[in-house]
Amino acid sequence: MKLYYSAGSCSTSCHIGLEESGLPYQAIEVDWDQNKNVAELEKLNSLGVVPVLVNNEGRTLTQNEAILQHVADLNPKSGLLAPVGTWERAQTLAWLSFVAADLHKAYSPLFGLDRVYKSDTTKAEVRAFVTDNVQKHLAHVNAHLAADQGGRDYLMGKQFTVADCYLFVVASWSKWLSLDMSAHSSLNAYLARVAARPAVQRVLKAEGLLE
């Protein structure tokens, strides 16, 4: 299998998922600034965006949710996704959907402020509005992780899943966007816990994201 990704983007979640799965794969970086593998990517996905997974038969799959679920199902023993028909699987997919449809979307406007708005005043107002929305979503996650006696190691308790692959990447954008995380102690501990996982360390190193 081949995974086309952009360092530090949402596609890093699929990179982590593949590394955690133990499946053989090749990670191919796409860099628009250096025009690295861009033409190759556009042949596989007409929208020209990552992630793109190419299986051993040459079929392509896009979208983080689909790729992460597919990778988990290819190796059930990885524990990245509970068996079909279980409540735990449904809960994991609900969290995966939350990250994709709510949290990821909440962050997105912060990446385009300078391109969309010319007025510094407008940019500041939009940033304040968007940041408040992001904080509400992060507070929701923080409360979930803090719940129950002793809190949860991961979204599903003790088991690391595909939802954690995606949440870790998106919530980590707070650092690069200089967002205040002081109110989310359980989430901060979670991010450190995930970052310390051997597979995650390997991906962060491969993508040049380790300081």
N, C-alpha and C. Protein backbone atom coordinates (compact mmCIF):
# COMPACT_ATOMS: atom_id res chain seq x y z
N MET A 1 0.84 -1.20 0.00
CA MET A 1 0.00 0.00 0.00
C MET A 1 0.88 1.25 0.00
N LYS A 2 0.31 2.31 -0.56
CA LYS A 2 0.99 3.60 -0.57
C LYS A 2 0.06 4.65 0.05
N LEU A 3 0.64 5.52 0.89
CA LEU A 3 -0.12 6.62 1.45
C LEU A 3 0.53 7.93 1.03
N TYR A 4 -0.25 8.78 0.40
CA TYR A 4 0.20 10.12 0.04
C TYR A 4 -0.25 11.06 1.16
N TYR A 5 0.70 11.79 1.73
CA TYR A 5 0.41 12.63 2.88
C TYR A 5 1.16 13.95 2.77
N SER A 6 0.74 14.91 3.57
CA SER A 6 1.44 16.19 3.72
C SER A 6 1.79 16.33 5.19
N ALA A 7 3.04 16.59 5.48
CA ALA A 7 3.52 16.61 6.86
C ALA A 7 2.72 17.56 7.75
N GLY A 8 2.23 17.01 8.86
CA GLY A 8 1.51 17.81 9.84
C GLY A 8 0.07 18.10 9.51
N SER A 9 -0.38 17.71 8.35
CA SER A 9 -1.79 17.93 7.97
C SER A 9 -2.65 16.81 8.54
N CYS A 10 -3.94 16.85 8.25
CA CYS A 10 -4.84 15.81 8.74
C CYS A 10 -4.43 14.42 8.26
N SER A 11 -3.72 14.36 7.12
CA SER A 11 -3.30 13.07 6.58
C SER A 11 -2.29 12.37 7.48
N THR A 12 -1.67 13.11 8.39
CA THR A 12 -0.76 12.49 9.35
C THR A 12 -1.49 11.46 10.20
N SER A 13 -2.79 11.65 10.39
CA SER A 13 -3.58 10.68 11.15
C SER A 13 -3.57 9.32 10.47
N CYS A 14 -3.65 9.31 9.14
CA CYS A 14 -3.61 8.05 8.40
C CYS A 14 -2.23 7.43 8.46
N HIS A 15 -1.22 8.26 8.44
CA HIS A 15 0.17 7.79 8.58
C HIS A 15 0.33 7.08 9.92
N ILE A 16 -0.21 7.69 10.98
CA ILE A 16 -0.15 7.08 12.31
C ILE A 16 -0.95 5.78 12.33
N GLY A 17 -2.13 5.80 11.74
CA GLY A 17 -2.96 4.59 11.70
C GLY A 17 -2.25 3.43 11.03
N LEU A 18 -1.60 3.69 9.92
CA LEU A 18 -0.87 2.64 9.22
C LEU A 18 0.29 2.13 10.06
N GLU A 19 1.01 3.03 10.70
CA GLU A 19 2.15 2.61 11.52
C GLU A 19 1.68 1.81 12.73
N GLU A 20 0.57 2.20 13.31
CA GLU A 20 0.02 1.46 14.45
C GLU A 20 -0.53 0.10 14.03
N SER A 21 -0.99 0.00 12.80
CA SER A 21 -1.61 -1.25 12.33
C SER A 21 -0.62 -2.38 12.15
N GLY A 22 0.63 -2.04 11.90
CA GLY A 22 1.63 -3.07 11.63
C GLY A 22 1.62 -3.58 10.20
N LEU A 23 0.79 -3.00 9.35
CA LEU A 23 0.70 -3.42 7.95
C LEU A 23 1.86 -2.81 7.16
N PRO A 24 2.32 -3.50 6.12
CA PRO A 24 3.37 -2.93 5.27
C PRO A 24 2.81 -1.82 4.39
N TYR A 25 3.54 -0.72 4.28
CA TYR A 25 3.08 0.40 3.46
C TYR A 25 4.26 1.29 3.10
N GLN A 26 4.03 2.15 2.13
CA GLN A 26 5.02 3.17 1.75
C GLN A 26 4.39 4.53 1.91
N ALA A 27 5.04 5.42 2.64
CA ALA A 27 4.54 6.77 2.84
C ALA A 27 5.22 7.71 1.85
N ILE A 28 4.41 8.46 1.10
CA ILE A 28 4.93 9.36 0.06
C ILE A 28 4.51 10.78 0.40
N GLU A 29 5.47 11.64 0.67
CA GLU A 29 5.17 13.01 1.04
C GLU A 29 4.82 13.87 -0.17
N VAL A 30 3.81 14.70 0.00
CA VAL A 30 3.43 15.69 -1.01
C VAL A 30 3.73 17.06 -0.44
N ASP A 31 4.49 17.86 -1.18
CA ASP A 31 4.85 19.20 -0.73
C ASP A 31 4.60 20.17 -1.88
N TRP A 32 3.58 21.02 -1.71
CA TRP A 32 3.20 21.94 -2.79
C TRP A 32 4.24 23.05 -2.97
N ASP A 33 4.87 23.47 -1.89
CA ASP A 33 5.87 24.54 -1.99
C ASP A 33 7.07 24.10 -2.83
N GLN A 34 7.43 22.83 -2.71
CA GLN A 34 8.56 22.31 -3.46
C GLN A 34 8.14 21.51 -4.69
N ASN A 35 6.83 21.53 -4.97
CA ASN A 35 6.28 20.77 -6.10
C ASN A 35 6.72 19.31 -6.06
N LYS A 36 6.65 18.74 -4.87
CA LYS A 36 7.09 17.36 -4.65
C LYS A 36 5.91 16.41 -4.71
N ASN A 37 5.89 15.55 -5.71
CA ASN A 37 4.85 14.54 -5.91
C ASN A 37 3.45 15.12 -6.11
N VAL A 38 3.37 16.38 -6.47
CA VAL A 38 2.07 17.03 -6.67
C VAL A 38 1.36 16.47 -7.91
N ALA A 39 2.09 16.38 -9.01
CA ALA A 39 1.50 15.87 -10.25
C ALA A 39 1.01 14.44 -10.08
N GLU A 40 1.79 13.65 -9.36
CA GLU A 40 1.42 12.26 -9.10
C GLU A 40 0.15 12.19 -8.27
N LEU A 41 0.05 13.06 -7.27
CA LEU A 41 -1.15 13.10 -6.44
C LEU A 41 -2.38 13.47 -7.27
N GLU A 42 -2.24 14.48 -8.13
CA GLU A 42 -3.38 14.96 -8.91
C GLU A 42 -3.89 13.91 -9.89
N LYS A 43 -3.03 12.99 -10.28
CA LYS A 43 -3.48 11.89 -11.14
C LYS A 43 -4.36 10.92 -10.36
N LEU A 44 -4.09 10.82 -9.07
CA LEU A 44 -4.84 9.89 -8.22
C LEU A 44 -6.10 10.50 -7.66
N ASN A 45 -6.06 11.81 -7.42
CA ASN A 45 -7.20 12.53 -6.85
C ASN A 45 -7.34 13.86 -7.58
N SER A 46 -8.37 14.01 -8.35
CA SER A 46 -8.55 15.22 -9.17
C SER A 46 -8.66 16.49 -8.34
N LEU A 47 -9.01 16.36 -7.06
CA LEU A 47 -9.06 17.52 -6.18
C LEU A 47 -7.67 17.95 -5.71
N GLY A 48 -6.71 17.07 -5.88
CA GLY A 48 -5.33 17.40 -5.54
C GLY A 48 -5.08 17.55 -4.06
N VAL A 49 -5.80 16.78 -3.23
CA VAL A 49 -5.62 16.88 -1.79
C VAL A 49 -5.27 15.51 -1.20
N VAL A 50 -4.66 15.56 -0.02
CA VAL A 50 -4.34 14.34 0.71
C VAL A 50 -5.31 14.20 1.88
N PRO A 51 -5.45 12.97 2.40
CA PRO A 51 -4.69 11.77 2.09
C PRO A 51 -5.26 11.00 0.90
N VAL A 52 -4.38 10.20 0.30
CA VAL A 52 -4.80 9.23 -0.71
C VAL A 52 -4.11 7.91 -0.38
N LEU A 53 -4.89 6.86 -0.28
CA LEU A 53 -4.34 5.53 -0.06
C LEU A 53 -4.49 4.73 -1.35
N VAL A 54 -3.42 4.11 -1.80
CA VAL A 54 -3.45 3.25 -2.98
C VAL A 54 -3.18 1.83 -2.50
N ASN A 55 -4.13 0.92 -2.72
CA ASN A 55 -3.93 -0.44 -2.24
C ASN A 55 -3.06 -1.24 -3.20
N ASN A 56 -2.84 -2.49 -2.88
CA ASN A 56 -1.94 -3.33 -3.67
C ASN A 56 -2.50 -3.66 -5.05
N GLU A 57 -3.79 -3.42 -5.26
CA GLU A 57 -4.40 -3.64 -6.58
C GLU A 57 -4.46 -2.35 -7.39
N GLY A 58 -3.95 -1.27 -6.81
CA GLY A 58 -3.94 0.01 -7.51
C GLY A 58 -5.19 0.84 -7.33
N ARG A 59 -6.11 0.40 -6.48
CA ARG A 59 -7.31 1.17 -6.20
C ARG A 59 -7.00 2.30 -5.22
N THR A 60 -7.70 3.41 -5.38
CA THR A 60 -7.44 4.57 -4.52
C THR A 60 -8.61 4.82 -3.57
N LEU A 61 -8.24 5.30 -2.39
CA LEU A 61 -9.23 5.64 -1.37
C LEU A 61 -8.83 6.99 -0.77
N THR A 62 -9.80 7.88 -0.61
CA THR A 62 -9.55 9.19 -0.02
C THR A 62 -10.37 9.34 1.26
N GLN A 63 -10.15 10.44 1.95
CA GLN A 63 -10.84 10.82 3.19
C GLN A 63 -10.28 10.06 4.40
N ASN A 64 -9.91 10.82 5.42
CA ASN A 64 -9.31 10.25 6.62
C ASN A 64 -10.18 9.17 7.26
N GLU A 65 -11.46 9.45 7.42
CA GLU A 65 -12.34 8.49 8.08
C GLU A 65 -12.35 7.15 7.37
N ALA A 66 -12.47 7.18 6.05
CA ALA A 66 -12.54 5.94 5.27
C ALA A 66 -11.22 5.19 5.32
N ILE A 67 -10.12 5.92 5.16
CA ILE A 67 -8.81 5.26 5.17
C ILE A 67 -8.51 4.65 6.53
N LEU A 68 -8.76 5.39 7.59
CA LEU A 68 -8.49 4.87 8.93
C LEU A 68 -9.33 3.63 9.24
N GLN A 69 -10.60 3.66 8.87
CA GLN A 69 -11.46 2.50 9.11
C GLN A 69 -11.00 1.31 8.28
N HIS A 70 -10.63 1.54 7.04
CA HIS A 70 -10.18 0.46 6.16
C HIS A 70 -8.89 -0.17 6.69
N VAL A 71 -7.95 0.66 7.09
CA VAL A 71 -6.69 0.16 7.62
C VAL A 71 -6.92 -0.68 8.87
N ALA A 72 -7.78 -0.21 9.76
CA ALA A 72 -8.08 -0.95 10.98
C ALA A 72 -8.70 -2.31 10.67
N ASP A 73 -9.59 -2.34 9.69
CA ASP A 73 -10.26 -3.58 9.33
C ASP A 73 -9.32 -4.58 8.64
N LEU A 74 -8.26 -4.07 8.02
CA LEU A 74 -7.29 -4.96 7.38
C LEU A 74 -6.50 -5.77 8.41
N ASN A 75 -6.38 -5.23 9.61
CA ASN A 75 -5.70 -5.95 10.68
C ASN A 75 -6.47 -5.80 11.98
N PRO A 76 -7.52 -6.60 12.16
CA PRO A 76 -8.35 -6.50 13.36
C PRO A 76 -7.57 -6.69 14.65
N LYS A 77 -6.49 -7.45 14.59
CA LYS A 77 -5.71 -7.72 15.80
C LYS A 77 -5.02 -6.46 16.34
N SER A 78 -4.95 -5.41 15.53
CA SER A 78 -4.33 -4.17 15.97
C SER A 78 -5.14 -3.49 17.06
N GLY A 79 -6.44 -3.79 17.13
CA GLY A 79 -7.31 -3.17 18.13
C GLY A 79 -7.69 -1.74 17.81
N LEU A 80 -7.38 -1.29 16.60
CA LEU A 80 -7.67 0.09 16.23
C LEU A 80 -9.15 0.35 16.04
N LEU A 81 -9.93 -0.71 15.87
CA LEU A 81 -11.38 -0.57 15.71
C LEU A 81 -12.04 -1.86 16.18
N ALA A 82 -13.06 -1.72 17.00
CA ALA A 82 -13.76 -2.88 17.54
C ALA A 82 -14.53 -3.61 16.44
N PRO A 83 -14.92 -4.86 16.68
CA PRO A 83 -15.62 -5.65 15.65
C PRO A 83 -16.94 -5.03 15.21
N VAL A 84 -17.34 -5.36 13.98
CA VAL A 84 -18.60 -4.88 13.42
C VAL A 84 -19.77 -5.30 14.30
N GLY A 85 -20.68 -4.37 14.51
CA GLY A 85 -21.88 -4.66 15.27
C GLY A 85 -21.78 -4.39 16.76
N THR A 86 -20.58 -4.03 17.24
CA THR A 86 -20.42 -3.76 18.67
C THR A 86 -20.69 -2.29 18.97
N TRP A 87 -21.11 -2.05 20.20
CA TRP A 87 -21.35 -0.69 20.66
C TRP A 87 -20.04 0.10 20.66
N GLU A 88 -18.95 -0.56 21.01
CA GLU A 88 -17.65 0.09 21.05
C GLU A 88 -17.22 0.59 19.68
N ARG A 89 -17.53 -0.18 18.65
CA ARG A 89 -17.19 0.25 17.29
C ARG A 89 -18.00 1.51 16.93
N ALA A 90 -19.30 1.47 17.25
CA ALA A 90 -20.15 2.62 16.95
C ALA A 90 -19.66 3.86 17.68
N GLN A 91 -19.26 3.71 18.94
CA GLN A 91 -18.75 4.85 19.70
C GLN A 91 -17.46 5.38 19.10
N THR A 92 -16.58 4.48 18.70
CA THR A 92 -15.32 4.89 18.09
C THR A 92 -15.57 5.67 16.80
N LEU A 93 -16.49 5.18 15.99
CA LEU A 93 -16.81 5.87 14.73
C LEU A 93 -17.50 7.21 14.99
N ALA A 94 -18.23 7.30 16.09
CA ALA A 94 -18.86 8.58 16.45
C ALA A 94 -17.78 9.61 16.77
N TRP A 95 -16.77 9.19 17.53
CA TRP A 95 -15.66 10.10 17.84
C TRP A 95 -14.86 10.44 16.58
N LEU A 96 -14.67 9.47 15.73
CA LEU A 96 -13.95 9.72 14.48
C LEU A 96 -14.70 10.74 13.64
N SER A 97 -16.02 10.61 13.59
CA SER A 97 -16.85 11.55 12.85
C SER A 97 -16.83 12.92 13.50
N PHE A 98 -16.82 12.97 14.81
CA PHE A 98 -16.75 14.25 15.53
C PHE A 98 -15.48 15.01 15.14
N VAL A 99 -14.37 14.31 15.14
CA VAL A 99 -13.11 14.98 14.81
C VAL A 99 -13.14 15.50 13.38
N ALA A 100 -13.67 14.68 12.46
CA ALA A 100 -13.69 15.05 11.04
C ALA A 100 -14.69 16.17 10.75
N ALA A 101 -15.90 16.03 11.28
CA ALA A 101 -16.98 16.95 10.89
C ALA A 101 -17.08 18.19 11.77
N ASP A 102 -16.60 18.09 13.01
CA ASP A 102 -16.76 19.21 13.94
C ASP A 102 -15.43 19.86 14.31
N LEU A 103 -14.53 19.09 14.89
CA LEU A 103 -13.28 19.67 15.38
C LEU A 103 -12.38 20.14 14.24
N HIS A 104 -12.16 19.30 13.26
CA HIS A 104 -11.33 19.68 12.11
C HIS A 104 -11.90 20.92 11.43
N LYS A 105 -13.19 20.92 11.21
CA LYS A 105 -13.86 22.05 10.57
C LYS A 105 -13.74 23.32 11.40
N ALA A 106 -13.74 23.18 12.73
CA ALA A 106 -13.64 24.35 13.60
C ALA A 106 -12.28 25.03 13.44
N TYR A 107 -11.24 24.25 13.26
CA TYR A 107 -9.89 24.81 13.10
C TYR A 107 -9.67 25.44 11.72
N SER A 108 -10.32 24.90 10.72
CA SER A 108 -9.99 25.23 9.32
C SER A 108 -9.88 26.72 9.00
N PRO A 109 -10.82 27.57 9.47
CA PRO A 109 -10.72 29.00 9.11
C PRO A 109 -9.44 29.67 9.58
N LEU A 110 -8.81 29.15 10.61
CA LEU A 110 -7.59 29.77 11.14
C LEU A 110 -6.42 29.65 10.19
N PHE A 111 -6.48 28.69 9.27
CA PHE A 111 -5.38 28.49 8.34
C PHE A 111 -5.46 29.41 7.12
N GLY A 112 -6.57 30.08 6.93
CA GLY A 112 -6.72 30.91 5.73
C GLY A 112 -6.99 32.36 5.99
N LEU A 113 -6.79 32.82 7.20
CA LEU A 113 -7.13 34.20 7.55
C LEU A 113 -6.42 35.23 6.68
N ASP A 114 -5.12 35.05 6.49
CA ASP A 114 -4.35 36.04 5.72
C ASP A 114 -4.72 36.05 4.24
N ARG A 115 -5.18 34.90 3.74
CA ARG A 115 -5.56 34.83 2.33
C ARG A 115 -6.95 35.39 2.08
N VAL A 116 -7.82 35.27 3.04
CA VAL A 116 -9.22 35.65 2.85
C VAL A 116 -9.50 37.09 3.26
N TYR A 117 -8.86 37.54 4.35
CA TYR A 117 -9.18 38.86 4.89
C TYR A 117 -7.98 39.80 4.79
N LYS A 118 -8.22 41.01 4.31
CA LYS A 118 -7.17 42.01 4.18
C LYS A 118 -7.07 42.91 5.40
N SER A 119 -8.18 43.17 6.02
CA SER A 119 -8.22 44.07 7.18
C SER A 119 -7.72 43.35 8.43
N ASP A 120 -6.79 43.97 9.14
CA ASP A 120 -6.29 43.39 10.38
C ASP A 120 -7.40 43.31 11.43
N THR A 121 -8.27 44.30 11.42
CA THR A 121 -9.38 44.30 12.37
C THR A 121 -10.32 43.12 12.12
N THR A 122 -10.63 42.91 10.85
CA THR A 122 -11.50 41.79 10.50
C THR A 122 -10.86 40.46 10.84
N LYS A 123 -9.58 40.34 10.53
CA LYS A 123 -8.86 39.10 10.85
C LYS A 123 -8.89 38.82 12.35
N ALA A 124 -8.70 39.85 13.15
CA ALA A 124 -8.72 39.69 14.60
C ALA A 124 -10.09 39.26 15.09
N GLU A 125 -11.13 39.84 14.52
CA GLU A 125 -12.50 39.51 14.92
C GLU A 125 -12.85 38.06 14.54
N VAL A 126 -12.46 37.68 13.33
CA VAL A 126 -12.74 36.32 12.87
C VAL A 126 -11.95 35.32 13.71
N ARG A 127 -10.69 35.63 13.97
CA ARG A 127 -9.86 34.74 14.77
C ARG A 127 -10.47 34.54 16.16
N ALA A 128 -10.95 35.61 16.75
CA ALA A 128 -11.54 35.51 18.09
C ALA A 128 -12.79 34.63 18.07
N PHE A 129 -13.62 34.81 17.05
CA PHE A 129 -14.84 34.00 16.93
C PHE A 129 -14.51 32.53 16.72
N VAL A 130 -13.59 32.26 15.80
CA VAL A 130 -13.22 30.88 15.49
C VAL A 130 -12.53 30.22 16.68
N THR A 131 -11.65 30.96 17.34
CA THR A 131 -10.94 30.41 18.49
C THR A 131 -11.91 30.03 19.60
N ASP A 132 -12.92 30.85 19.83
CA ASP A 132 -13.92 30.53 20.84
C ASP A 132 -14.64 29.23 20.50
N ASN A 133 -14.93 29.03 19.22
CA ASN A 133 -15.59 27.80 18.78
C ASN A 133 -14.69 26.59 18.98
N VAL A 134 -13.42 26.74 18.64
CA VAL A 134 -12.46 25.65 18.84
C VAL A 134 -12.37 25.28 20.31
N GLN A 135 -12.30 26.30 21.17
CA GLN A 135 -12.19 26.05 22.61
C GLN A 135 -13.39 25.28 23.15
N LYS A 136 -14.57 25.56 22.64
CA LYS A 136 -15.77 24.83 23.07
C LYS A 136 -15.66 23.35 22.71
N HIS A 137 -15.14 23.07 21.52
CA HIS A 137 -14.98 21.68 21.10
C HIS A 137 -13.90 20.98 21.92
N LEU A 138 -12.81 21.69 22.20
CA LEU A 138 -11.74 21.10 22.99
C LEU A 138 -12.20 20.84 24.42
N ALA A 139 -13.03 21.71 24.95
CA ALA A 139 -13.57 21.52 26.29
C ALA A 139 -14.43 20.26 26.34
N HIS A 140 -15.16 20.01 25.28
CA HIS A 140 -15.99 18.80 25.18
C HIS A 140 -15.11 17.56 25.24
N VAL A 141 -14.02 17.56 24.51
CA VAL A 141 -13.10 16.42 24.51
C VAL A 141 -12.44 16.28 25.88
N ASN A 142 -12.01 17.41 26.44
CA ASN A 142 -11.34 17.38 27.74
C ASN A 142 -12.25 16.78 28.81
N ALA A 143 -13.52 17.15 28.79
CA ALA A 143 -14.47 16.63 29.78
C ALA A 143 -14.65 15.13 29.62
N HIS A 144 -14.67 14.66 28.39
CA HIS A 144 -14.80 13.22 28.13
C HIS A 144 -13.58 12.47 28.66
N LEU A 145 -12.40 12.99 28.40
CA LEU A 145 -11.18 12.32 28.84
C LEU A 145 -11.05 12.32 30.36
N ALA A 146 -11.60 13.34 31.00
CA ALA A 146 -11.50 13.46 32.46
C ALA A 146 -12.55 12.64 33.20
N ALA A 147 -13.57 12.18 32.48
CA ALA A 147 -14.70 11.49 33.11
C ALA A 147 -14.30 10.14 33.69
N ASP A 148 -15.09 9.68 34.63
CA ASP A 148 -14.89 8.41 35.32
C ASP A 148 -13.71 8.50 36.28
N GLN A 149 -13.61 7.56 37.18
CA GLN A 149 -12.52 7.58 38.14
C GLN A 149 -11.19 7.37 37.44
N GLY A 150 -10.27 8.28 37.66
CA GLY A 150 -8.95 8.15 37.06
C GLY A 150 -8.86 8.64 35.63
N GLY A 151 -10.00 9.00 35.03
CA GLY A 151 -9.98 9.50 33.66
C GLY A 151 -9.74 8.40 32.64
N ARG A 152 -9.66 8.81 31.39
CA ARG A 152 -9.46 7.88 30.29
C ARG A 152 -8.09 8.11 29.66
N ASP A 153 -7.39 7.03 29.35
CA ASP A 153 -6.10 7.15 28.65
C ASP A 153 -6.32 7.63 27.22
N TYR A 154 -7.37 7.07 26.59
CA TYR A 154 -7.69 7.40 25.20
C TYR A 154 -9.20 7.62 25.10
N LEU A 155 -9.67 7.98 23.93
CA LEU A 155 -11.09 8.27 23.77
C LEU A 155 -11.99 7.11 24.19
N MET A 156 -11.52 5.89 23.92
CA MET A 156 -12.30 4.71 24.27
C MET A 156 -11.84 4.05 25.56
N GLY A 157 -11.11 4.78 26.38
CA GLY A 157 -10.66 4.23 27.66
C GLY A 157 -9.19 3.84 27.59
N LYS A 158 -8.94 2.54 27.73
CA LYS A 158 -7.56 2.04 27.70
C LYS A 158 -7.09 1.68 26.30
N GLN A 159 -8.01 1.56 25.35
CA GLN A 159 -7.67 1.10 24.00
C GLN A 159 -7.44 2.27 23.04
N PHE A 160 -6.28 2.31 22.43
CA PHE A 160 -5.98 3.30 21.39
C PHE A 160 -6.68 2.89 20.10
N THR A 161 -7.38 3.85 19.47
CA THR A 161 -8.16 3.53 18.28
C THR A 161 -7.89 4.54 17.16
N VAL A 162 -8.54 4.31 16.02
CA VAL A 162 -8.40 5.22 14.88
C VAL A 162 -8.87 6.62 15.21
N ALA A 163 -9.82 6.73 16.14
CA ALA A 163 -10.30 8.07 16.54
C ALA A 163 -9.18 8.85 17.22
N ASP A 164 -8.33 8.16 17.95
CA ASP A 164 -7.20 8.82 18.60
C ASP A 164 -6.16 9.28 17.58
N CYS A 165 -5.99 8.51 16.51
CA CYS A 165 -5.06 8.92 15.44
C CYS A 165 -5.44 10.30 14.91
N TYR A 166 -6.71 10.50 14.69
CA TYR A 166 -7.21 11.74 14.10
C TYR A 166 -7.25 12.87 15.13
N LEU A 167 -7.76 12.57 16.33
CA LEU A 167 -7.85 13.61 17.36
C LEU A 167 -6.48 14.16 17.71
N PHE A 168 -5.51 13.29 17.87
CA PHE A 168 -4.16 13.73 18.23
C PHE A 168 -3.62 14.74 17.23
N VAL A 169 -3.77 14.47 15.96
CA VAL A 169 -3.24 15.35 14.93
C VAL A 169 -3.95 16.70 14.94
N VAL A 170 -5.27 16.68 14.95
CA VAL A 170 -6.03 17.93 14.87
C VAL A 170 -5.85 18.78 16.13
N ALA A 171 -5.96 18.18 17.30
CA ALA A 171 -5.81 18.94 18.54
C ALA A 171 -4.39 19.49 18.68
N SER A 172 -3.41 18.82 18.09
CA SER A 172 -2.03 19.29 18.15
C SER A 172 -1.82 20.57 17.35
N TRP A 173 -2.74 20.88 16.45
CA TRP A 173 -2.62 22.13 15.69
C TRP A 173 -2.68 23.35 16.61
N SER A 174 -3.26 23.20 17.79
CA SER A 174 -3.37 24.31 18.74
C SER A 174 -2.01 24.93 19.01
N LYS A 175 -1.00 24.07 19.12
CA LYS A 175 0.35 24.57 19.40
C LYS A 175 0.85 25.45 18.27
N TRP A 176 0.68 24.99 17.03
CA TRP A 176 1.20 25.73 15.88
C TRP A 176 0.38 27.00 15.61
N LEU A 177 -0.85 27.01 16.10
CA LEU A 177 -1.71 28.19 15.92
C LEU A 177 -1.71 29.10 17.14
N SER A 178 -0.88 28.76 18.12
CA SER A 178 -0.74 29.57 19.34
C SER A 178 -2.06 29.73 20.09
N LEU A 179 -2.82 28.64 20.19
CA LEU A 179 -4.07 28.67 20.94
C LEU A 179 -3.81 28.28 22.39
N ASP A 180 -4.47 28.92 23.29
CA ASP A 180 -4.31 28.66 24.72
C ASP A 180 -4.94 27.31 25.07
N MET A 181 -4.14 26.40 25.64
CA MET A 181 -4.62 25.07 26.02
C MET A 181 -4.62 24.89 27.53
N SER A 182 -4.42 25.96 28.28
CA SER A 182 -4.27 25.85 29.73
C SER A 182 -5.51 25.32 30.44
N ALA A 183 -6.68 25.47 29.84
CA ALA A 183 -7.92 25.03 30.48
C ALA A 183 -8.21 23.55 30.24
N HIS A 184 -7.35 22.87 29.49
CA HIS A 184 -7.65 21.49 29.08
C HIS A 184 -6.57 20.53 29.57
N SER A 185 -6.47 20.37 30.87
CA SER A 185 -5.39 19.57 31.46
C SER A 185 -5.47 18.10 31.06
N SER A 186 -6.66 17.54 31.02
CA SER A 186 -6.79 16.13 30.64
C SER A 186 -6.44 15.92 29.18
N LEU A 187 -6.81 16.87 28.33
CA LEU A 187 -6.47 16.78 26.92
C LEU A 187 -4.96 16.95 26.73
N ASN A 188 -4.35 17.86 27.47
CA ASN A 188 -2.90 18.03 27.37
C ASN A 188 -2.16 16.76 27.76
N ALA A 189 -2.61 16.12 28.82
CA ALA A 189 -1.99 14.87 29.25
C ALA A 189 -2.19 13.79 28.19
N TYR A 190 -3.36 13.78 27.59
CA TYR A 190 -3.66 12.83 26.52
C TYR A 190 -2.73 13.03 25.33
N LEU A 191 -2.54 14.27 24.91
CA LEU A 191 -1.68 14.56 23.77
C LEU A 191 -0.25 14.11 24.03
N ALA A 192 0.22 14.32 25.24
CA ALA A 192 1.57 13.87 25.61
C ALA A 192 1.64 12.34 25.61
N ARG A 193 0.59 11.70 26.07
CA ARG A 193 0.54 10.23 26.12
C ARG A 193 0.57 9.64 24.71
N VAL A 194 -0.22 10.21 23.82
CA VAL A 194 -0.24 9.71 22.44
C VAL A 194 1.10 9.98 21.75
N ALA A 195 1.64 11.16 21.96
CA ALA A 195 2.91 11.53 21.33
C ALA A 195 4.04 10.59 21.73
N ALA A 196 3.94 9.99 22.91
CA ALA A 196 4.99 9.11 23.41
C ALA A 196 4.89 7.69 22.87
N ARG A 197 3.80 7.36 22.21
CA ARG A 197 3.66 6.01 21.66
C ARG A 197 4.74 5.77 20.61
N PRO A 198 5.39 4.62 20.61
CA PRO A 198 6.47 4.35 19.66
C PRO A 198 6.09 4.56 18.20
N ALA A 199 4.92 4.10 17.81
CA ALA A 199 4.49 4.25 16.42
C ALA A 199 4.30 5.73 16.06
N VAL A 200 3.75 6.49 16.99
CA VAL A 200 3.54 7.92 16.75
C VAL A 200 4.88 8.63 16.67
N GLN A 201 5.81 8.26 17.52
CA GLN A 201 7.15 8.83 17.47
C GLN A 201 7.81 8.59 16.12
N ARG A 202 7.64 7.40 15.60
CA ARG A 202 8.24 7.08 14.30
C ARG A 202 7.65 7.93 13.19
N VAL A 203 6.34 8.15 13.24
CA VAL A 203 5.68 8.97 12.21
C VAL A 203 6.11 10.43 12.34
N LEU A 204 6.11 10.94 13.55
CA LEU A 204 6.51 12.34 13.76
C LEU A 204 7.94 12.57 13.28
N LYS A 205 8.81 11.60 13.53
CA LYS A 205 10.18 11.72 13.06
C LYS A 205 10.26 11.65 11.55
N ALA A 206 9.51 10.75 10.95
CA ALA A 206 9.52 10.60 9.49
C ALA A 206 9.01 11.85 8.79
N GLU A 207 8.04 12.55 9.43
CA GLU A 207 7.46 13.74 8.82
C GLU A 207 8.20 15.02 9.24
N GLY A 208 9.27 14.88 10.02
CA GLY A 208 10.04 16.05 10.41
C GLY A 208 9.32 16.93 11.41
N LEU A 209 8.48 16.35 12.26
CA LEU A 209 7.66 17.12 13.18
C LEU A 209 8.18 17.11 14.61
N LEU A 210 9.24 16.36 14.87
CA LEU A 210 9.81 16.34 16.21
C LEU A 210 10.78 17.50 16.36
N GLU A 211 10.69 18.19 17.48
CA GLU A 211 11.58 19.33 17.72
C GLU A 211 12.94 18.83 18.19
